[in-house]
Amino acid sequence: MIAPAVPIRPAGVDALKRLQAETAAELDALLPAILDKEDIRTGIDSTS
């Protein structure tokens, strides 16, 4: 079933864009720690 289109107000679009940007920044900040943790699990030496 396809959901009916719901009109989104410009303020709602701006809020969603702001939330997406904040989430992207947080994920970018976490990514190095996530990758380091995966390297430890897989035995990959990230220092070489």
PDB file of N, CA and C in Angstrom:
ATOM      1  N   MET A   1       0.836  -1.171   0.000  1.00  0.00           N
ATOM      2  CA  MET A   1       0.000   0.000   0.000  1.00  0.00           C
ATOM      3  C   MET A   1       0.886   1.243   0.000  1.00  0.00           C
ATOM      4  N   ILE A   2       0.556   2.183  -0.820  1.00  0.00           N
ATOM      5  CA  ILE A   2       1.310   3.433  -0.901  1.00  0.00           C
ATOM      6  C   ILE A   2       0.647   4.448   0.025  1.00  0.00           C
ATOM      7  N   ALA A   3       1.458   5.061   0.881  1.00  0.00           N
ATOM      8  CA  ALA A   3       0.927   6.052   1.817  1.00  0.00           C
ATOM      9  C   ALA A   3       0.533   7.312   1.049  1.00  0.00           C
ATOM     10  N   PRO A   4      -0.542   7.939   1.452  1.00  0.00           N
ATOM     11  CA  PRO A   4      -0.945   9.179   0.779  1.00  0.00           C
ATOM     12  C   PRO A   4       0.080  10.284   1.047  1.00  0.00           C
ATOM     13  N   ALA A   5       0.214  11.178   0.092  1.00  0.00           N
ATOM     14  CA  ALA A   5       1.146  12.291   0.244  1.00  0.00           C
ATOM     15  C   ALA A   5       0.667  13.197   1.374  1.00  0.00           C
ATOM     16  N   VAL A   6       1.605  13.564   2.214  1.00  0.00           N
ATOM     17  CA  VAL A   6       1.294  14.459   3.318  1.00  0.00           C
ATOM     18  C   VAL A   6       2.033  15.759   3.069  1.00  0.00           C
ATOM     19  N   PRO A   7       1.305  16.865   3.025  1.00  0.00           N
ATOM     20  CA  PRO A   7       2.000  18.135   2.795  1.00  0.00           C
ATOM     21  C   PRO A   7       2.930  18.456   3.956  1.00  0.00           C
ATOM     22  N   ILE A   8       4.129  18.864   3.638  1.00  0.00           N
ATOM     23  CA  ILE A   8       5.115  19.218   4.653  1.00  0.00           C
ATOM     24  C   ILE A   8       5.329  20.721   4.593  1.00  0.00           C
ATOM     25  N   ARG A   9       5.217  21.349   5.719  1.00  0.00           N
ATOM     26  CA  ARG A   9       5.406  22.795   5.784  1.00  0.00           C
ATOM     27  C   ARG A   9       6.887  23.121   5.680  1.00  0.00           C
ATOM     28  N   PRO A  10       7.227  24.277   5.110  1.00  0.00           N
ATOM     29  CA  PRO A  10       8.636  24.669   4.987  1.00  0.00           C
ATOM     30  C   PRO A  10       9.399  24.617   6.307  1.00  0.00           C
ATOM     31  N   ALA A  11       8.768  24.990   7.412  1.00  0.00           N
ATOM     32  CA  ALA A  11       9.437  24.932   8.715  1.00  0.00           C
ATOM     33  C   ALA A  11       9.784  23.484   9.069  1.00  0.00           C
ATOM     34  N   GLY A  12       8.902  22.568   8.695  1.00  0.00           N
ATOM     35  CA  GLY A  12       9.166  21.151   8.942  1.00  0.00           C
ATOM     36  C   GLY A  12      10.328  20.649   8.107  1.00  0.00           C
ATOM     37  N   VAL A  13      10.413  21.112   6.879  1.00  0.00           N
ATOM     38  CA  VAL A  13      11.526  20.727   6.004  1.00  0.00           C
ATOM     39  C   VAL A  13      12.838  21.251   6.580  1.00  0.00           C
ATOM     40  N   ASP A  14      12.825  22.501   7.030  1.00  0.00           N
ATOM     41  CA  ASP A  14      14.034  23.080   7.632  1.00  0.00           C
ATOM     42  C   ASP A  14      14.452  22.306   8.876  1.00  0.00           C
ATOM     43  N   ALA A  15      13.494  21.919   9.687  1.00  0.00           N
ATOM     44  CA  ALA A  15      13.803  21.154  10.898  1.00  0.00           C
ATOM     45  C   ALA A  15      14.401  19.796  10.536  1.00  0.00           C
ATOM     46  N   LEU A  16      13.840  19.147   9.513  1.00  0.00           N
ATOM     47  CA  LEU A  16      14.375  17.852   9.087  1.00  0.00           C
ATOM     48  C   LEU A  16      15.788  17.988   8.527  1.00  0.00           C
ATOM     49  N   LYS A  17      16.028  19.043   7.754  1.00  0.00           N
ATOM     50  CA  LYS A  17      17.372  19.273   7.216  1.00  0.00           C
ATOM     51  C   LYS A  17      18.374  19.514   8.341  1.00  0.00           C
ATOM     52  N   ARG A  18      17.955  20.288   9.345  1.00  0.00           N
ATOM     53  CA  ARG A  18      18.828  20.572  10.480  1.00  0.00           C
ATOM     54  C   ARG A  18      19.133  19.287  11.253  1.00  0.00           C
ATOM     55  N   LEU A  19      18.106  18.465  11.483  1.00  0.00           N
ATOM     56  CA  LEU A  19      18.292  17.201  12.178  1.00  0.00           C
ATOM     57  C   LEU A  19      19.221  16.281  11.392  1.00  0.00           C
ATOM     58  N   GLN A  20      19.043  16.234  10.079  1.00  0.00           N
ATOM     59  CA  GLN A  20      19.906  15.394   9.239  1.00  0.00           C
ATOM     60  C   GLN A  20      21.352  15.863   9.318  1.00  0.00           C
ATOM     61  N   ALA A  21      21.572  17.164   9.295  1.00  0.00           N
ATOM     62  CA  ALA A  21      22.928  17.703   9.371  1.00  0.00           C
ATOM     63  C   ALA A  21      23.566  17.399  10.724  1.00  0.00           C
ATOM     64  N   GLU A  22      22.789  17.546  11.801  1.00  0.00           N
ATOM     65  CA  GLU A  22      23.311  17.233  13.133  1.00  0.00           C
ATOM     66  C   GLU A  22      23.648  15.751  13.266  1.00  0.00           C
ATOM     67  N   THR A  23      22.774  14.906  12.743  1.00  0.00           N
ATOM     68  CA  THR A  23      23.004  13.461  12.801  1.00  0.00           C
ATOM     69  C   THR A  23      24.239  13.079  11.996  1.00  0.00           C
ATOM     70  N   ALA A  24      24.394  13.669  10.822  1.00  0.00           N
ATOM     71  CA  ALA A  24      25.563  13.391   9.989  1.00  0.00           C
ATOM     72  C   ALA A  24      26.844  13.803  10.713  1.00  0.00           C
ATOM     73  N   ALA A  25      26.826  14.956  11.374  1.00  0.00           N
ATOM     74  CA  ALA A  25      28.007  15.421  12.109  1.00  0.00           C
ATOM     75  C   ALA A  25      28.341  14.467  13.256  1.00  0.00           C
ATOM     76  N   GLU A  26      27.331  13.998  13.960  1.00  0.00           N
ATOM     77  CA  GLU A  26      27.560  13.055  15.062  1.00  0.00           C
ATOM     78  C   GLU A  26      28.118  11.734  14.542  1.00  0.00           C
ATOM     79  N   LEU A  27      27.580  11.241  13.440  1.00  0.00           N
ATOM     80  CA  LEU A  27      28.086   9.994  12.861  1.00  0.00           C
ATOM     81  C   LEU A  27      29.521  10.163  12.371  1.00  0.00           C
ATOM     82  N   ASP A  28      29.822  11.301  11.764  1.00  0.00           N
ATOM     83  CA  ASP A  28      31.189  11.571  11.319  1.00  0.00           C
ATOM     84  C   ASP A  28      32.154  11.568  12.495  1.00  0.00           C
ATOM     85  N   ALA A  29      31.721  12.107  13.630  1.00  0.00           N
ATOM     86  CA  ALA A  29      32.572  12.138  14.816  1.00  0.00           C
ATOM     87  C   ALA A  29      32.770  10.737  15.396  1.00  0.00           C
ATOM     88  N   LEU A  30      31.758   9.891  15.295  1.00  0.00           N
ATOM     89  CA  LEU A  30      31.838   8.534  15.852  1.00  0.00           C
ATOM     90  C   LEU A  30      32.567   7.546  14.944  1.00  0.00           C
ATOM     91  N   LEU A  31      32.608   7.817  13.658  1.00  0.00           N
ATOM     92  CA  LEU A  31      33.133   6.849  12.697  1.00  0.00           C
ATOM     93  C   LEU A  31      34.547   6.359  13.024  1.00  0.00           C
ATOM     94  N   PRO A  32      35.507   7.219  13.360  1.00  0.00           N
ATOM     95  CA  PRO A  32      36.844   6.712  13.676  1.00  0.00           C
ATOM     96  C   PRO A  32      36.845   5.704  14.833  1.00  0.00           C
ATOM     97  N   ALA A  33      36.074   5.970  15.877  1.00  0.00           N
ATOM     98  CA  ALA A  33      36.010   5.044  17.006  1.00  0.00           C
ATOM     99  C   ALA A  33      35.381   3.720  16.594  1.00  0.00           C
ATOM    100  N   ILE A  34      34.350   3.788  15.757  1.00  0.00           N
ATOM    101  CA  ILE A  34      33.699   2.564  15.276  1.00  0.00           C
ATOM    102  C   ILE A  34      34.677   1.743  14.451  1.00  0.00           C
ATOM    103  N   LEU A  35      35.415   2.399  13.579  1.00  0.00           N
ATOM    104  CA  LEU A  35      36.374   1.684  12.742  1.00  0.00           C
ATOM    105  C   LEU A  35      37.507   1.097  13.571  1.00  0.00           C
ATOM    106  N   ASP A  36      37.984   1.841  14.567  1.00  0.00           N
ATOM    107  CA  ASP A  36      39.035   1.312  15.441  1.00  0.00           C
ATOM    108  C   ASP A  36      38.554   0.074  16.180  1.00  0.00           C
ATOM    109  N   LYS A  37      37.329   0.103  16.662  1.00  0.00           N
ATOM    110  CA  LYS A  37      36.776  -1.033  17.380  1.00  0.00           C
ATOM    111  C   LYS A  37      36.671  -2.245  16.457  1.00  0.00           C
ATOM    112  N   GLU A  38      36.272  -2.041  15.217  1.00  0.00           N
ATOM    113  CA  GLU A  38      36.180  -3.143  14.253  1.00  0.00           C
ATOM    114  C   GLU A  38      37.573  -3.695  13.949  1.00  0.00           C
ATOM    115  N   ASP A  39      38.568  -2.826  13.855  1.00  0.00           N
ATOM    116  CA  ASP A  39      39.936  -3.276  13.611  1.00  0.00           C
ATOM    117  C   ASP A  39      40.409  -4.189  14.734  1.00  0.00           C
ATOM    118  N   ILE A  40      40.051  -3.863  15.974  1.00  0.00           N
ATOM    119  CA  ILE A  40      40.440  -4.690  17.118  1.00  0.00           C
ATOM    120  C   ILE A  40      39.790  -6.058  17.001  1.00  0.00           C
ATOM    121  N   ARG A  41      38.515  -6.099  16.622  1.00  0.00           N
ATOM    122  CA  ARG A  41      37.800  -7.371  16.505  1.00  0.00           C
ATOM    123  C   ARG A  41      38.363  -8.242  15.393  1.00  0.00           C
ATOM    124  N   THR A  42      38.745  -7.637  14.283  1.00  0.00           N
ATOM    125  CA  THR A  42      39.181  -8.413  13.133  1.00  0.00           C
ATOM    126  C   THR A  42      40.696  -8.651  13.123  1.00  0.00           C
ATOM    127  N   GLY A  43      41.395  -8.010  14.055  1.00  0.00           N
ATOM    128  CA  GLY A  43      42.840  -8.181  14.117  1.00  0.00           C
ATOM    129  C   GLY A  43      43.596  -7.366  13.107  1.00  0.00           C
ATOM    130  N   ILE A  44      42.965  -6.359  12.529  1.00  0.00           N
ATOM    131  CA  ILE A  44      43.634  -5.490  11.557  1.00  0.00           C
ATOM    132  C   ILE A  44      44.424  -4.453  12.324  1.00  0.00           C
ATOM    133  N   ASP A  45      45.670  -4.294  11.949  1.00  0.00           N
ATOM    134  CA  ASP A  45      46.538  -3.302  12.596  1.00  0.00           C
ATOM    135  C   ASP A  45      46.394  -1.990  11.841  1.00  0.00           C
ATOM    136  N   SER A  46      45.743  -0.998  12.479  1.00  0.00           N
ATOM    137  CA  SER A  46      45.515   0.281  11.804  1.00  0.00           C
ATOM    138  C   SER A  46      46.733   1.179  11.876  1.00  0.00           C
ATOM    139  N   THR A  47      47.802   0.778  12.568  1.00  0.00           N
ATOM    140  CA  THR A  47      49.001   1.618  12.674  1.00  0.00           C
ATOM    141  C   THR A  47      49.942   1.429  11.494  1.00  0.00           C
ATOM    142  N   SER A  48      49.722   0.402  10.697  1.00  0.00           N
ATOM    143  CA  SER A  48      50.635   0.180   9.568  1.00  0.00           C
ATOM    144  C   SER A  48      50.117   0.778   8.292  1.00  0.00           C
TER     145      SER A  48
END
